[in-house]
Amino acid sequence: MANKTDDVISTITGDSLITFRKKFYFPNDMVMKVPTTSNRARFPPLGFVTIYEFSLRAGLRFPPSPKLIDILTIYKVSLSQLSYRAMSIIMGLIILFQDHGAVLSLECLS
């Protein structure tokens, strides 16, 4: 039986965080933390968001849109729970609404 994603222990090190910061253009003031063996992406430590490396490779950039963070917070969803496709759809909706001068509300998403 294959391991679930959350059962896999992270291989991230301090050096790989430096590489990620450079390769994916993380802002210098963004605090990054090497996960412990007990950390799991779906349960981020208090005050942190967690992501999977594949999300970075698929195009996720930081800092994420404040509107995206608002939506995730309201629906109690972690950034790591979104697939790249779901994230792309949400970001597309945010941009579409902004371009048309409209506000993306919870009613629109329901």
PDB file of N, CA and C in Angstrom:
ATOM      1  N   MET A   1       0.845  -1.178   0.000  1.00  0.00           N
ATOM      2  CA  MET A   1       0.000   0.000   0.000  1.00  0.00           C
ATOM      3  C   MET A   1       0.892   1.243   0.000  1.00  0.00           C
ATOM      4  N   ALA A   2       0.571   2.179  -0.857  1.00  0.00           N
ATOM      5  CA  ALA A   2       1.377   3.402  -0.977  1.00  0.00           C
ATOM      6  C   ALA A   2       1.168   4.299   0.228  1.00  0.00           C
ATOM      7  N   ASN A   3       2.214   5.050   0.580  1.00  0.00           N
ATOM      8  CA  ASN A   3       2.124   6.010   1.679  1.00  0.00           C
ATOM      9  C   ASN A   3       1.222   7.165   1.290  1.00  0.00           C
ATOM     10  N   LYS A   4       0.460   7.665   2.252  1.00  0.00           N
ATOM     11  CA  LYS A   4      -0.275   8.896   2.052  1.00  0.00           C
ATOM     12  C   LYS A   4       0.743  10.031   2.086  1.00  0.00           C
ATOM     13  N   THR A   5       0.429  11.121   1.413  1.00  0.00           N
ATOM     14  CA  THR A   5       1.351  12.257   1.377  1.00  0.00           C
ATOM     15  C   THR A   5       1.713  12.725   2.775  1.00  0.00           C
ATOM     16  N   ASP A   6       0.738  12.775   3.673  1.00  0.00           N
ATOM     17  CA  ASP A   6       1.006  13.277   5.025  1.00  0.00           C
ATOM     18  C   ASP A   6       1.783  12.295   5.884  1.00  0.00           C
ATOM     19  N   ASP A   7       1.970  11.074   5.423  1.00  0.00           N
ATOM     20  CA  ASP A   7       2.759  10.095   6.174  1.00  0.00           C
ATOM     21  C   ASP A   7       4.238  10.136   5.790  1.00  0.00           C
ATOM     22  N   VAL A   8       4.555  10.851   4.726  1.00  0.00           N
ATOM     23  CA  VAL A   8       5.922  10.937   4.242  1.00  0.00           C
ATOM     24  C   VAL A   8       6.663  12.006   5.041  1.00  0.00           C
ATOM     25  N   ILE A   9       7.815  11.663   5.556  1.00  0.00           N
ATOM     26  CA  ILE A   9       8.618  12.613   6.332  1.00  0.00           C
ATOM     27  C   ILE A   9       9.337  13.559   5.377  1.00  0.00           C
ATOM     28  N   SER A  10       9.300  14.836   5.695  1.00  0.00           N
ATOM     29  CA  SER A  10       9.923  15.857   4.858  1.00  0.00           C
ATOM     30  C   SER A  10      11.432  15.652   4.778  1.00  0.00           C
ATOM     31  N   THR A  11      11.977  15.952   3.612  1.00  0.00           N
ATOM     32  CA  THR A  11      13.427  15.898   3.412  1.00  0.00           C
ATOM     33  C   THR A  11      14.019  17.303   3.295  1.00  0.00           C
ATOM     34  N   ILE A  12      13.213  18.313   3.613  1.00  0.00           N
ATOM     35  CA  ILE A  12      13.661  19.706   3.531  1.00  0.00           C
ATOM     36  C   ILE A  12      14.730  19.965   4.587  1.00  0.00           C
ATOM     37  N   THR A  13      15.784  20.646   4.175  1.00  0.00           N
ATOM     38  CA  THR A  13      16.866  21.028   5.081  1.00  0.00           C
ATOM     39  C   THR A  13      17.037  22.545   5.030  1.00  0.00           C
ATOM     40  N   GLY A  14      17.859  23.069   5.899  1.00  0.00           N
ATOM     41  CA  GLY A  14      18.167  24.500   5.875  1.00  0.00           C
ATOM     42  C   GLY A  14      18.749  24.921   4.536  1.00  0.00           C
ATOM     43  N   ASP A  15      19.628  24.080   3.972  1.00  0.00           N
ATOM     44  CA  ASP A  15      20.229  24.396   2.672  1.00  0.00           C
ATOM     45  C   ASP A  15      19.183  24.409   1.558  1.00  0.00           C
ATOM     46  N   SER A  16      18.235  23.469   1.614  1.00  0.00           N
ATOM     47  CA  SER A  16      17.229  23.447   0.546  1.00  0.00           C
ATOM     48  C   SER A  16      16.299  24.655   0.652  1.00  0.00           C
ATOM     49  N   LEU A  17      16.085  25.172   1.867  1.00  0.00           N
ATOM     50  CA  LEU A  17      15.288  26.397   2.002  1.00  0.00           C
ATOM     51  C   LEU A  17      15.993  27.572   1.348  1.00  0.00           C
ATOM     52  N   ILE A  18      17.309  27.628   1.471  1.00  0.00           N
ATOM     53  CA  ILE A  18      18.082  28.690   0.811  1.00  0.00           C
ATOM     54  C   ILE A  18      17.921  28.570  -0.704  1.00  0.00           C
ATOM     55  N   THR A  19      17.987  27.348  -1.199  1.00  0.00           N
ATOM     56  CA  THR A  19      17.808  27.109  -2.635  1.00  0.00           C
ATOM     57  C   THR A  19      16.408  27.510  -3.083  1.00  0.00           C
ATOM     58  N   PHE A  20      15.371  27.119  -2.318  1.00  0.00           N
ATOM     59  CA  PHE A  20      13.995  27.495  -2.648  1.00  0.00           C
ATOM     60  C   PHE A  20      13.833  29.008  -2.660  1.00  0.00           C
ATOM     61  N   ARG A  21      14.411  29.669  -1.666  1.00  0.00           N
ATOM     62  CA  ARG A  21      14.299  31.131  -1.575  1.00  0.00           C
ATOM     63  C   ARG A  21      14.838  31.787  -2.847  1.00  0.00           C
ATOM     64  N   LYS A  22      15.968  31.305  -3.340  1.00  0.00           N
ATOM     65  CA  LYS A  22      16.573  31.881  -4.551  1.00  0.00           C
ATOM     66  C   LYS A  22      15.811  31.471  -5.809  1.00  0.00           C
ATOM     67  N   LYS A  23      15.514  30.192  -5.928  1.00  0.00           N
ATOM     68  CA  LYS A  23      14.900  29.672  -7.149  1.00  0.00           C
ATOM     69  C   LYS A  23      13.474  30.171  -7.356  1.00  0.00           C
ATOM     70  N   PHE A  24      12.716  30.282  -6.257  1.00  0.00           N
ATOM     71  CA  PHE A  24      11.311  30.651  -6.369  1.00  0.00           C
ATOM     72  C   PHE A  24      11.023  32.070  -5.888  1.00  0.00           C
ATOM     73  N   TYR A  25      12.082  32.864  -5.684  1.00  0.00           N
ATOM     74  CA  TYR A  25      11.969  34.294  -5.389  1.00  0.00           C
ATOM     75  C   TYR A  25      11.141  34.598  -4.137  1.00  0.00           C
ATOM     76  N   PHE A  26      11.397  33.879  -3.056  1.00  0.00           N
ATOM     77  CA  PHE A  26      10.745  34.193  -1.793  1.00  0.00           C
ATOM     78  C   PHE A  26      11.290  35.525  -1.297  1.00  0.00           C
ATOM     79  N   PRO A  27      10.429  36.404  -0.784  1.00  0.00           N
ATOM     80  CA  PRO A  27      10.916  37.672  -0.236  1.00  0.00           C
ATOM     81  C   PRO A  27      11.870  37.419   0.939  1.00  0.00           C
ATOM     82  N   ASN A  28      12.865  38.262   1.078  1.00  0.00           N
ATOM     83  CA  ASN A  28      13.856  38.089   2.150  1.00  0.00           C
ATOM     84  C   ASN A  28      13.257  38.209   3.544  1.00  0.00           C
ATOM     85  N   ASP A  29      12.152  38.964   3.680  1.00  0.00           N
ATOM     86  CA  ASP A  29      11.554  39.122   5.007  1.00  0.00           C
ATOM     87  C   ASP A  29      10.587  37.991   5.370  1.00  0.00           C
ATOM     88  N   MET A  30      10.396  37.043   4.469  1.00  0.00           N
ATOM     89  CA  MET A  30       9.509  35.917   4.746  1.00  0.00           C
ATOM     90  C   MET A  30      10.245  34.883   5.593  1.00  0.00           C
ATOM     91  N   VAL A  31       9.661  34.541   6.724  1.00  0.00           N
ATOM     92  CA  VAL A  31      10.255  33.562   7.626  1.00  0.00           C
ATOM     93  C   VAL A  31       9.958  32.161   7.101  1.00  0.00           C
ATOM     94  N   MET A  32      10.997  31.383   6.933  1.00  0.00           N
ATOM     95  CA  MET A  32      10.850  29.997   6.488  1.00  0.00           C
ATOM     96  C   MET A  32      11.391  29.095   7.581  1.00  0.00           C
ATOM     97  N   LYS A  33      10.751  27.948   7.745  1.00  0.00           N
ATOM     98  CA  LYS A  33      11.102  27.053   8.843  1.00  0.00           C
ATOM     99  C   LYS A  33      11.237  25.625   8.319  1.00  0.00           C
ATOM    100  N   VAL A  34      12.313  24.960   8.711  1.00  0.00           N
ATOM    101  CA  VAL A  34      12.497  23.550   8.348  1.00  0.00           C
ATOM    102  C   VAL A  34      11.507  22.732   9.177  1.00  0.00           C
ATOM    103  N   PRO A  35      10.680  21.901   8.527  1.00  0.00           N
ATOM    104  CA  PRO A  35       9.705  21.120   9.292  1.00  0.00           C
ATOM    105  C   PRO A  35      10.382  20.067  10.168  1.00  0.00           C
ATOM    106  N   THR A  36       9.761  19.813  11.313  1.00  0.00           N
ATOM    107  CA  THR A  36      10.234  18.733  12.174  1.00  0.00           C
ATOM    108  C   THR A  36       9.626  17.427  11.679  1.00  0.00           C
ATOM    109  N   THR A  37      10.093  16.324  12.199  1.00  0.00           N
ATOM    110  CA  THR A  37       9.558  15.032  11.758  1.00  0.00           C
ATOM    111  C   THR A  37       8.096  14.852  12.143  1.00  0.00           C
ATOM    112  N   SER A  38       7.617  15.607  13.124  1.00  0.00           N
ATOM    113  CA  SER A  38       6.212  15.482  13.522  1.00  0.00           C
ATOM    114  C   SER A  38       5.300  16.461  12.777  1.00  0.00           C
ATOM    115  N   ASN A  39       5.858  17.451  12.057  1.00  0.00           N
ATOM    116  CA  ASN A  39       5.043  18.403  11.298  1.00  0.00           C
ATOM    117  C   ASN A  39       4.408  17.717  10.094  1.00  0.00           C
ATOM    118  N   ARG A  40       3.200  18.123   9.783  1.00  0.00           N
ATOM    119  CA  ARG A  40       2.506  17.644   8.593  1.00  0.00           C
ATOM    120  C   ARG A  40       1.934  18.856   7.870  1.00  0.00           C
ATOM    121  N   ALA A  41       1.975  18.838   6.552  1.00  0.00           N
ATOM    122  CA  ALA A  41       1.559  19.986   5.745  1.00  0.00           C
ATOM    123  C   ALA A  41       0.100  20.364   5.976  1.00  0.00           C
ATOM    124  N   ARG A  42      -0.749  19.409   6.225  1.00  0.00           N
ATOM    125  CA  ARG A  42      -2.162  19.752   6.401  1.00  0.00           C
ATOM    126  C   ARG A  42      -2.462  20.363   7.768  1.00  0.00           C
ATOM    127  N   PHE A  43      -1.509  20.319   8.687  1.00  0.00           N
ATOM    128  CA  PHE A  43      -1.643  20.951  10.003  1.00  0.00           C
ATOM    129  C   PHE A  43      -0.474  21.896  10.216  1.00  0.00           C
ATOM    130  N   PRO A  44      -0.532  23.092   9.604  1.00  0.00           N
ATOM    131  CA  PRO A  44       0.610  24.002   9.716  1.00  0.00           C
ATOM    132  C   PRO A  44       0.816  24.473  11.149  1.00  0.00           C
ATOM    133  N   PRO A  45       2.083  24.706  11.524  1.00  0.00           N
ATOM    134  CA  PRO A  45       2.344  25.275  12.854  1.00  0.00           C
ATOM    135  C   PRO A  45       1.668  26.636  12.967  1.00  0.00           C
ATOM    136  N   LEU A  46       1.266  27.015  14.160  1.00  0.00           N
ATOM    137  CA  LEU A  46       0.585  28.277  14.390  1.00  0.00           C
ATOM    138  C   LEU A  46       1.405  29.436  13.815  1.00  0.00           C
ATOM    139  N   GLY A  47       0.756  30.251  13.020  1.00  0.00           N
ATOM    140  CA  GLY A  47       1.413  31.408  12.427  1.00  0.00           C
ATOM    141  C   GLY A  47       2.120  31.126  11.114  1.00  0.00           C
ATOM    142  N   PHE A  48       2.064  29.890  10.619  1.00  0.00           N
ATOM    143  CA  PHE A  48       2.730  29.515   9.374  1.00  0.00           C
ATOM    144  C   PHE A  48       1.724  28.946   8.382  1.00  0.00           C
ATOM    145  N   VAL A  49       2.068  28.993   7.103  1.00  0.00           N
ATOM    146  CA  VAL A  49       1.342  28.246   6.086  1.00  0.00           C
ATOM    147  C   VAL A  49       2.297  27.186   5.567  1.00  0.00           C
ATOM    148  N   THR A  50       1.754  26.092   5.126  1.00  0.00           N
ATOM    149  CA  THR A  50       2.586  25.024   4.601  1.00  0.00           C
ATOM    150  C   THR A  50       2.252  24.810   3.134  1.00  0.00           C
ATOM    151  N   ILE A  51       3.250  24.412   2.396  1.00  0.00           N
ATOM    152  CA  ILE A  51       3.057  24.145   0.968  1.00  0.00           C
ATOM    153  C   ILE A  51       3.863  22.914   0.597  1.00  0.00           C
ATOM    154  N   TYR A  52       3.493  22.344  -0.509  1.00  0.00           N
ATOM    155  CA  TYR A  52       4.253  21.222  -1.058  1.00  0.00           C
ATOM    156  C   TYR A  52       5.186  21.753  -2.133  1.00  0.00           C
ATOM    157  N   GLU A  53       6.309  21.100  -2.284  1.00  0.00           N
ATOM    158  CA  GLU A  53       7.285  21.519  -3.290  1.00  0.00           C
ATOM    159  C   GLU A  53       6.667  21.533  -4.681  1.00  0.00           C
ATOM    160  N   PHE A  54       5.773  20.568  -4.965  1.00  0.00           N
ATOM    161  CA  PHE A  54       5.183  20.522  -6.306  1.00  0.00           C
ATOM    162  C   PHE A  54       4.397  21.792  -6.607  1.00  0.00           C
ATOM    163  N   SER A  55       3.841  22.442  -5.567  1.00  0.00           N
ATOM    164  CA  SER A  55       3.112  23.695  -5.792  1.00  0.00           C
ATOM    165  C   SER A  55       4.050  24.782  -6.290  1.00  0.00           C
ATOM    166  N   LEU A  56       5.259  24.821  -5.739  1.00  0.00           N
ATOM    167  CA  LEU A  56       6.253  25.790  -6.206  1.00  0.00           C
ATOM    168  C   LEU A  56       6.669  25.475  -7.634  1.00  0.00           C
ATOM    169  N   ARG A  57       6.882  24.207  -7.907  1.00  0.00           N
ATOM    170  CA  ARG A  57       7.282  23.814  -9.263  1.00  0.00           C
ATOM    171  C   ARG A  57       6.162  24.069 -10.274  1.00  0.00           C
ATOM    172  N   ALA A  58       4.902  24.069  -9.782  1.00  0.00           N
ATOM    173  CA  ALA A  58       3.755  24.298 -10.657  1.00  0.00           C
ATOM    174  C   ALA A  58       3.445  25.775 -10.854  1.00  0.00           C
ATOM    175  N   GLY A  59       4.133  26.675 -10.126  1.00  0.00           N
ATOM    176  CA  GLY A  59       3.952  28.096 -10.378  1.00  0.00           C
ATOM    177  C   GLY A  59       3.490  28.945  -9.213  1.00  0.00           C
ATOM    178  N   LEU A  60       3.245  28.370  -8.051  1.00  0.00           N
ATOM    179  CA  LEU A  60       2.847  29.171  -6.893  1.00  0.00           C
ATOM    180  C   LEU A  60       3.989  30.104  -6.518  1.00  0.00           C
ATOM    181  N   ARG A  61       3.669  31.373  -6.281  1.00  0.00           N
ATOM    182  CA  ARG A  61       4.670  32.351  -5.893  1.00  0.00           C
ATOM    183  C   ARG A  61       4.228  33.064  -4.626  1.00  0.00           C
ATOM    184  N   PHE A  62       5.196  33.681  -3.959  1.00  0.00           N
ATOM    185  CA  PHE A  62       4.926  34.353  -2.694  1.00  0.00           C
ATOM    186  C   PHE A  62       5.318  35.806  -2.777  1.00  0.00           C
ATOM    187  N   PRO A  63       4.693  36.671  -2.015  1.00  0.00           N
ATOM    188  CA  PRO A  63       3.597  36.350  -1.105  1.00  0.00           C
ATOM    189  C   PRO A  63       2.324  36.073  -1.885  1.00  0.00           C
ATOM    190  N   PRO A  64       1.487  35.165  -1.368  1.00  0.00           N
ATOM    191  CA  PRO A  64       0.224  34.884  -2.058  1.00  0.00           C
ATOM    192  C   PRO A  64      -0.713  36.073  -1.956  1.00  0.00           C
ATOM    193  N   SER A  65      -1.658  36.118  -2.841  1.00  0.00           N
ATOM    194  CA  SER A  65      -2.638  37.199  -2.866  1.00  0.00           C
ATOM    195  C   SER A  65      -3.379  37.279  -1.536  1.00  0.00           C
ATOM    196  N   PRO A  66      -3.529  38.486  -0.981  1.00  0.00           N
ATOM    197  CA  PRO A  66      -4.310  38.632   0.259  1.00  0.00           C
ATOM    198  C   PRO A  66      -5.733  38.097   0.118  1.00  0.00           C
ATOM    199  N   LYS A  67      -6.313  38.258  -1.072  1.00  0.00           N
ATOM    200  CA  LYS A  67      -7.672  37.737  -1.292  1.00  0.00           C
ATOM    201  C   LYS A  67      -7.678  36.212  -1.224  1.00  0.00           C
ATOM    202  N   LEU A  68      -6.619  35.565  -1.736  1.00  0.00           N
ATOM    203  CA  LEU A  68      -6.511  34.110  -1.643  1.00  0.00           C
ATOM    204  C   LEU A  68      -6.431  33.689  -0.182  1.00  0.00           C
ATOM    205  N   ILE A  69      -5.626  34.379   0.595  1.00  0.00           N
ATOM    206  CA  ILE A  69      -5.484  34.065   2.021  1.00  0.00           C
ATOM    207  C   ILE A  69      -6.822  34.270   2.740  1.00  0.00           C
ATOM    208  N   ASP A  70      -7.557  35.331   2.390  1.00  0.00           N
ATOM    209  CA  ASP A  70      -8.873  35.565   2.997  1.00  0.00           C
ATOM    210  C   ASP A  70      -9.821  34.405   2.710  1.00  0.00           C
ATOM    211  N   ILE A  71      -9.838  33.956   1.462  1.00  0.00           N
ATOM    212  CA  ILE A  71     -10.718  32.851   1.079  1.00  0.00           C
ATOM    213  C   ILE A  71     -10.334  31.577   1.833  1.00  0.00           C
ATOM    214  N   LEU A  72      -9.054  31.290   1.887  1.00  0.00           N
ATOM    215  CA  LEU A  72      -8.603  30.095   2.599  1.00  0.00           C
ATOM    216  C   LEU A  72      -8.952  30.169   4.082  1.00  0.00           C
ATOM    217  N   THR A  73      -8.795  31.347   4.669  1.00  0.00           N
ATOM    218  CA  THR A  73      -9.081  31.522   6.092  1.00  0.00           C
ATOM    219  C   THR A  73     -10.570  31.331   6.370  1.00  0.00           C
ATOM    220  N   ILE A  74     -11.409  31.937   5.560  1.00  0.00           N
ATOM    221  CA  ILE A  74     -12.853  31.835   5.762  1.00  0.00           C
ATOM    222  C   ILE A  74     -13.329  30.394   5.641  1.00  0.00           C
ATOM    223  N   TYR A  75     -12.790  29.668   4.659  1.00  0.00           N
ATOM    224  CA  TYR A  75     -13.211  28.278   4.446  1.00  0.00           C
ATOM    225  C   TYR A  75     -12.393  27.277   5.255  1.00  0.00           C
ATOM    226  N   LYS A  76     -11.456  27.794   6.078  1.00  0.00           N
ATOM    227  CA  LYS A  76     -10.610  26.958   6.937  1.00  0.00           C
ATOM    228  C   LYS A  76      -9.890  25.878   6.124  1.00  0.00           C
ATOM    229  N   VAL A  77      -9.263  26.334   5.049  1.00  0.00           N
ATOM    230  CA  VAL A  77      -8.509  25.462   4.159  1.00  0.00           C
ATOM    231  C   VAL A  77      -7.062  25.915   4.178  1.00  0.00           C
ATOM    232  N   SER A  78      -6.146  24.977   4.276  1.00  0.00           N
ATOM    233  CA  SER A  78      -4.722  25.288   4.223  1.00  0.00           C
ATOM    234  C   SER A  78      -4.294  25.411   2.772  1.00  0.00           C
ATOM    235  N   LEU A  79      -3.346  26.273   2.519  1.00  0.00           N
ATOM    236  CA  LEU A  79      -2.799  26.427   1.179  1.00  0.00           C
ATOM    237  C   LEU A  79      -2.324  25.081   0.633  1.00  0.00           C
ATOM    238  N   SER A  80      -1.809  24.239   1.513  1.00  0.00           N
ATOM    239  CA  SER A  80      -1.299  22.933   1.083  1.00  0.00           C
ATOM    240  C   SER A  80      -2.405  21.980   0.665  1.00  0.00           C
ATOM    241  N   GLN A  81      -3.657  22.284   0.981  1.00  0.00           N
ATOM    242  CA  GLN A  81      -4.756  21.404   0.609  1.00  0.00           C
ATOM    243  C   GLN A  81      -5.247  21.645  -0.814  1.00  0.00           C
ATOM    244  N   LEU A  82      -4.824  22.745  -1.413  1.00  0.00           N
ATOM    245  CA  LEU A  82      -5.265  23.051  -2.776  1.00  0.00           C
ATOM    246  C   LEU A  82      -4.371  22.372  -3.795  1.00  0.00           C
ATOM    247  N   SER A  83      -4.992  21.786  -4.775  1.00  0.00           N
ATOM    248  CA  SER A  83      -4.211  21.286  -5.907  1.00  0.00           C
ATOM    249  C   SER A  83      -3.819  22.495  -6.752  1.00  0.00           C
ATOM    250  N   TYR A  84      -2.877  22.297  -7.626  1.00  0.00           N
ATOM    251  CA  TYR A  84      -2.470  23.403  -8.495  1.00  0.00           C
ATOM    252  C   TYR A  84      -3.659  23.882  -9.318  1.00  0.00           C
ATOM    253  N   ARG A  85      -4.463  22.946  -9.804  1.00  0.00           N
ATOM    254  CA  ARG A  85      -5.624  23.311 -10.630  1.00  0.00           C
ATOM    255  C   ARG A  85      -6.621  24.153  -9.825  1.00  0.00           C
ATOM    256  N   ALA A  86      -6.915  23.757  -8.588  1.00  0.00           N
ATOM    257  CA  ALA A  86      -7.853  24.521  -7.756  1.00  0.00           C
ATOM    258  C   ALA A  86      -7.306  25.919  -7.478  1.00  0.00           C
ATOM    259  N   MET A  87      -6.018  26.003  -7.177  1.00  0.00           N
ATOM    260  CA  MET A  87      -5.394  27.291  -6.916  1.00  0.00           C
ATOM    261  C   MET A  87      -5.472  28.182  -8.156  1.00  0.00           C
ATOM    262  N   SER A  88      -5.245  27.605  -9.317  1.00  0.00           N
ATOM    263  CA  SER A  88      -5.308  28.365 -10.569  1.00  0.00           C
ATOM    264  C   SER A  88      -6.709  28.908 -10.815  1.00  0.00           C
ATOM    265  N   ILE A  89      -7.720  28.099 -10.512  1.00  0.00           N
ATOM    266  CA  ILE A  89      -9.105  28.536 -10.706  1.00  0.00           C
ATOM    267  C   ILE A  89      -9.432  29.687  -9.759  1.00  0.00           C
ATOM    268  N   ILE A  90      -9.075  29.549  -8.501  1.00  0.00           N
ATOM    269  CA  ILE A  90      -9.358  30.614  -7.528  1.00  0.00           C
ATOM    270  C   ILE A  90      -8.630  31.893  -7.913  1.00  0.00           C
ATOM    271  N   MET A  91      -7.345  31.783  -8.256  1.00  0.00           N
ATOM    272  CA  MET A  91      -6.580  32.968  -8.653  1.00  0.00           C
ATOM    273  C   MET A  91      -7.178  33.589  -9.916  1.00  0.00           C
ATOM    274  N   GLY A  92      -7.608  32.756 -10.857  1.00  0.00           N
ATOM    275  CA  GLY A  92      -8.249  33.267 -12.071  1.00  0.00           C
ATOM    276  C   GLY A  92      -9.515  34.052 -11.761  1.00  0.00           C
ATOM    277  N   LEU A  93     -10.326  33.538 -10.823  1.00  0.00           N
ATOM    278  CA  LEU A  93     -11.540  34.252 -10.411  1.00  0.00           C
ATOM    279  C   LEU A  93     -11.205  35.581  -9.748  1.00  0.00           C
ATOM    280  N   ILE A  94     -10.209  35.583  -8.885  1.00  0.00           N
ATOM    281  CA  ILE A  94      -9.799  36.820  -8.209  1.00  0.00           C
ATOM    282  C   ILE A  94      -9.392  37.860  -9.246  1.00  0.00           C
ATOM    283  N   ILE A  95      -8.571  37.468 -10.208  1.00  0.00           N
ATOM    284  CA  ILE A  95      -8.100  38.395 -11.249  1.00  0.00           C
ATOM    285  C   ILE A  95      -9.246  38.852 -12.140  1.00  0.00           C
ATOM    286  N   LEU A  96     -10.132  37.925 -12.521  1.00  0.00           N
ATOM    287  CA  LEU A  96     -11.285  38.274 -13.347  1.00  0.00           C
ATOM    288  C   LEU A  96     -12.151  39.326 -12.668  1.00  0.00           C
ATOM    289  N   PHE A  97     -12.446  39.114 -11.393  1.00  0.00           N
ATOM    290  CA  PHE A  97     -13.263  40.078 -10.656  1.00  0.00           C
ATOM    291  C   PHE A  97     -12.551  41.415 -10.534  1.00  0.00           C
ATOM    292  N   GLN A  98     -11.252  41.406 -10.225  1.00  0.00           N
ATOM    293  CA  GLN A  98     -10.494  42.662 -10.112  1.00  0.00           C
ATOM    294  C   GLN A  98     -10.497  43.425 -11.429  1.00  0.00           C
ATOM    295  N   ASP A  99     -10.277  42.712 -12.541  1.00  0.00           N
ATOM    296  CA  ASP A  99     -10.233  43.363 -13.851  1.00  0.00           C
ATOM    297  C   ASP A  99     -11.560  44.017 -14.224  1.00  0.00           C
ATOM    298  N   HIS A 100     -12.647  43.498 -13.672  1.00  0.00           N
ATOM    299  CA  HIS A 100     -13.967  44.044 -13.983  1.00  0.00           C
ATOM    300  C   HIS A 100     -14.495  44.959 -12.876  1.00  0.00           C
ATOM    301  N   GLY A 101     -13.621  45.287 -11.920  1.00  0.00           N
ATOM    302  CA  GLY A 101     -14.025  46.203 -10.857  1.00  0.00           C
ATOM    303  C   GLY A 101     -15.043  45.635  -9.889  1.00  0.00           C
ATOM    304  N   ALA A 102     -15.172  44.330  -9.851  1.00  0.00           N
ATOM    305  CA  ALA A 102     -16.136  43.686  -8.950  1.00  0.00           C
ATOM    306  C   ALA A 102     -15.404  43.080  -7.760  1.00  0.00           C
ATOM    307  N   VAL A 103     -16.176  42.784  -6.713  1.00  0.00           N
ATOM    308  CA  VAL A 103     -15.599  42.185  -5.507  1.00  0.00           C
ATOM    309  C   VAL A 103     -15.988  40.718  -5.479  1.00  0.00           C
ATOM    310  N   LEU A 104     -14.993  39.861  -5.323  1.00  0.00           N
ATOM    311  CA  LEU A 104     -15.249  38.436  -5.207  1.00  0.00           C
ATOM    312  C   LEU A 104     -15.710  38.177  -3.773  1.00  0.00           C
ATOM    313  N   SER A 105     -16.992  37.868  -3.630  1.00  0.00           N
ATOM    314  CA  SER A 105     -17.569  37.677  -2.294  1.00  0.00           C
ATOM    315  C   SER A 105     -17.801  36.191  -2.021  1.00  0.00           C
ATOM    316  N   LEU A 106     -18.094  35.894  -0.774  1.00  0.00           N
ATOM    317  CA  LEU A 106     -18.390  34.511  -0.400  1.00  0.00           C
ATOM    318  C   LEU A 106     -19.630  34.003  -1.133  1.00  0.00           C
ATOM    319  N   GLU A 107     -20.594  34.889  -1.383  1.00  0.00           N
ATOM    320  CA  GLU A 107     -21.792  34.483  -2.099  1.00  0.00           C
ATOM    321  C   GLU A 107     -21.450  34.005  -3.508  1.00  0.00           C
ATOM    322  N   CYS A 108     -20.467  34.654  -4.128  1.00  0.00           N
ATOM    323  CA  CYS A 108     -20.049  34.252  -5.481  1.00  0.00           C
ATOM    324  C   CYS A 108     -19.409  32.871  -5.468  1.00  0.00           C
ATOM    325  N   LEU A 109     -18.739  32.537  -4.385  1.00  0.00           N
ATOM    326  CA  LEU A 109     -18.051  31.262  -4.299  1.00  0.00           C
ATOM    327  C   LEU A 109     -18.947  30.126  -3.828  1.00  0.00           C
ATOM    328  N   SER A 110     -20.086  30.467  -3.262  1.00  0.00           N
ATOM    329  CA  SER A 110     -20.988  29.436  -2.733  1.00  0.00           C
ATOM    330  C   SER A 110     -21.815  28.799  -3.826  1.00  0.00           C
TER     331      SER A 110
END
